[in-house]
Amino acid sequence: MKKSTGILIIFLCCLIESSGKPHSAEWDDVRAIHLKNNPVCVLCGTSKDLQVHHIKPFYLYPELELDPDNLITLCTSKYWGFSCHLIAGHGGCFKYENPWIDEDIKKLKIFADPAYIKRHGCTEFEEYIRFMKRRVKEFNGRKR
């Protein structure tokens, strides 16, 4: 399969997943304002490859699409070795909602702090990511 075909399939799956609801006409402006006011990833702090993430997914809560309180900035830069958007925002699967995103970000920032790693190593960080992915997967499995 050609790469462009694979990308098209992913795009079509996302449309189906989101019930085919396109973003509103105001989305581009809201997104630009959000990124201007929140120009770094809330997890790793990079300013590269930024995404505006809906805390409550747009396809489940379209009425919250433009609500600034439902938006956070995450990246796909792999600055920490993984996509913050994919892992923290979706628990490792873009189809998933992570209702614990705020809690997860706070804990991951603690575990990733160089002083913490110097004292405790990387084990807790890696274990928490595994726990987070498992918890989000179970939560989303129960919803279906």
Protein backbone atom coordinates (compact mmCIF):
# COMPACT_ATOMS: atom_id res chain seq x y z
CA MET A 1 0.00 0.00 0.00
CA LYS A 2 1.29 3.45 -0.88
CA LYS A 3 1.91 5.89 1.98
CA SER A 4 -0.66 8.32 0.53
CA THR A 5 -3.28 5.54 0.46
CA GLY A 6 -2.57 4.74 4.13
CA ILE A 7 -2.93 8.40 5.09
CA LEU A 8 -6.22 8.61 3.19
CA ILE A 9 -7.53 5.53 5.02
CA ILE A 10 -6.59 7.04 8.40
CA PHE A 11 -8.28 10.31 7.41
CA LEU A 12 -11.46 8.52 6.35
CA CYS A 13 -11.51 6.48 9.56
CA CYS A 14 -11.22 9.71 11.56
CA LEU A 15 -14.18 11.17 9.66
CA ILE A 16 -16.26 8.09 10.39
CA GLU A 17 -15.12 8.11 14.02
CA SER A 18 -16.16 11.75 14.38
CA SER A 19 -19.59 11.01 12.90
CA GLY A 20 -18.51 13.04 9.87
CA LYS A 21 -18.86 16.32 11.76
CA PRO A 22 -16.51 18.91 10.30
CA HIS A 23 -15.10 21.63 12.51
CA SER A 24 -17.10 24.84 12.54
CA ALA A 25 -16.08 27.88 10.51
CA GLU A 26 -14.74 29.51 13.71
CA TRP A 27 -12.37 26.61 14.52
CA ASP A 28 -9.33 27.92 12.63
CA ASP A 29 -9.52 31.27 14.45
CA VAL A 30 -10.06 29.65 17.86
CA ARG A 31 -7.16 27.27 17.21
CA ALA A 32 -4.84 30.13 16.18
CA ILE A 33 -5.77 32.20 19.25
CA HIS A 34 -5.26 29.20 21.52
CA LEU A 35 -1.79 28.52 20.08
CA LYS A 36 -0.85 32.20 20.37
CA ASN A 37 -1.84 32.19 24.05
CA ASN A 38 -0.51 28.66 24.75
CA PRO A 39 2.55 28.30 22.50
CA VAL A 40 4.16 25.24 24.13
CA CYS A 41 3.18 21.65 24.86
CA VAL A 42 1.72 21.49 28.38
CA LEU A 43 3.53 18.20 28.98
CA CYS A 44 7.07 18.46 27.59
CA GLY A 45 7.35 22.21 26.98
CA THR A 46 8.42 22.10 23.34
CA SER A 47 7.09 24.56 20.78
CA LYS A 48 7.45 22.14 17.86
CA ASP A 49 4.68 20.19 16.12
CA LEU A 50 1.91 21.60 18.30
CA GLN A 51 -1.66 20.34 18.30
CA VAL A 52 -4.73 21.85 19.94
CA HIS A 53 -6.29 18.95 21.82
CA HIS A 54 -9.93 18.81 22.90
CA ILE A 55 -9.98 17.49 26.48
CA LYS A 56 -13.49 16.23 25.87
CA PRO A 57 -13.32 14.90 22.29
CA PHE A 58 -14.95 16.95 19.56
CA TYR A 59 -16.68 13.90 18.07
CA LEU A 60 -18.38 13.14 21.43
CA TYR A 61 -18.95 16.71 22.62
CA PRO A 62 -19.30 18.95 19.53
CA GLU A 63 -20.85 21.69 21.67
CA LEU A 64 -17.43 22.10 23.40
CA GLU A 65 -15.48 22.48 20.16
CA LEU A 66 -14.77 26.21 20.64
CA ASP A 67 -14.73 26.29 24.46
CA PRO A 68 -11.28 27.53 25.54
CA ASP A 69 -11.60 25.54 28.79
CA ASN A 70 -11.80 22.35 26.71
CA LEU A 71 -8.55 23.00 24.84
CA ILE A 72 -4.94 22.27 25.72
CA THR A 73 -1.74 22.35 23.70
CA LEU A 74 0.04 19.05 23.15
CA CYS A 75 2.74 18.12 20.66
CA THR A 76 3.57 15.31 18.27
CA SER A 77 7.30 16.16 18.31
CA LYS A 78 8.44 13.13 20.34
CA TYR A 79 10.62 15.50 22.39
CA TRP A 80 10.35 13.00 25.29
CA GLY A 81 10.50 10.01 22.95
CA PHE A 82 6.76 9.80 22.30
CA SER A 83 3.91 11.94 20.99
CA CYS A 84 2.46 13.83 23.96
CA HIS A 85 -0.78 14.22 22.00
CA LEU A 86 -1.12 10.50 21.35
CA ILE A 87 0.02 9.24 24.76
CA ALA A 88 -1.31 11.85 27.21
CA GLY A 89 -4.23 13.07 25.12
CA HIS A 90 -5.51 9.69 23.99
CA GLY A 91 -3.78 7.02 26.06
CA GLY A 92 -1.98 5.64 23.03
CA CYS A 93 -4.93 5.40 20.61
CA PHE A 94 -6.45 8.40 18.82
CA LYS A 95 -9.91 6.79 19.08
CA TYR A 96 -9.75 7.04 22.89
CA GLU A 97 -10.79 9.74 25.32
CA ASN A 98 -8.55 10.28 28.37
CA PRO A 99 -10.74 11.66 31.17
CA TRP A 100 -7.68 11.80 33.49
CA ILE A 101 -5.55 13.96 31.20
CA ASP A 102 -4.94 16.73 33.77
CA GLU A 103 -3.89 14.24 36.45
CA ASP A 104 -1.73 12.31 33.99
CA ILE A 105 0.09 15.43 32.82
CA LYS A 106 0.86 16.49 36.41
CA LYS A 107 2.24 13.07 37.32
CA LEU A 108 4.28 12.66 34.13
CA LYS A 109 5.86 16.09 34.65
CA ILE A 110 6.94 15.04 38.16
CA PHE A 111 8.35 11.71 36.98
CA ALA A 112 10.20 13.40 34.08
CA ASP A 113 11.84 16.07 36.22
CA PRO A 114 15.64 15.60 36.01
CA ALA A 115 16.03 15.94 39.80
CA TYR A 116 13.38 13.26 40.33
CA ILE A 117 15.02 10.95 37.77
CA LYS A 118 18.41 11.48 39.40
CA ARG A 119 16.99 10.30 42.75
CA HIS A 120 14.57 7.60 41.55
CA GLY A 121 15.47 6.65 37.96
CA CYS A 122 13.07 6.38 34.99
CA THR A 123 11.10 3.36 36.16
CA GLU A 124 8.12 5.26 37.60
CA PHE A 125 7.78 7.35 34.44
CA GLU A 126 7.71 4.25 32.23
CA GLU A 127 5.37 2.38 34.60
CA TYR A 128 2.97 5.32 34.74
CA ILE A 129 2.77 5.49 30.94
CA ARG A 130 1.90 1.77 30.83
CA PHE A 131 -0.68 2.25 33.61
CA MET A 132 -2.16 5.30 31.87
CA LYS A 133 -2.52 3.51 28.53
CA ARG A 134 -4.14 0.49 30.19
CA ARG A 135 -6.58 2.64 32.23
CA VAL A 136 -7.64 4.71 29.19
CA LYS A 137 -8.10 1.57 27.09
CA GLU A 138 -10.28 -0.04 29.79
CA PHE A 139 -12.35 3.15 30.20
CA ASN A 140 -13.01 3.38 26.47
CA GLY A 141 -13.76 -0.35 26.23
CA ARG A 142 -16.52 0.03 28.82
CA LYS A 143 -18.10 2.91 26.88
CA ARG A 144 -18.66 0.86 23.73
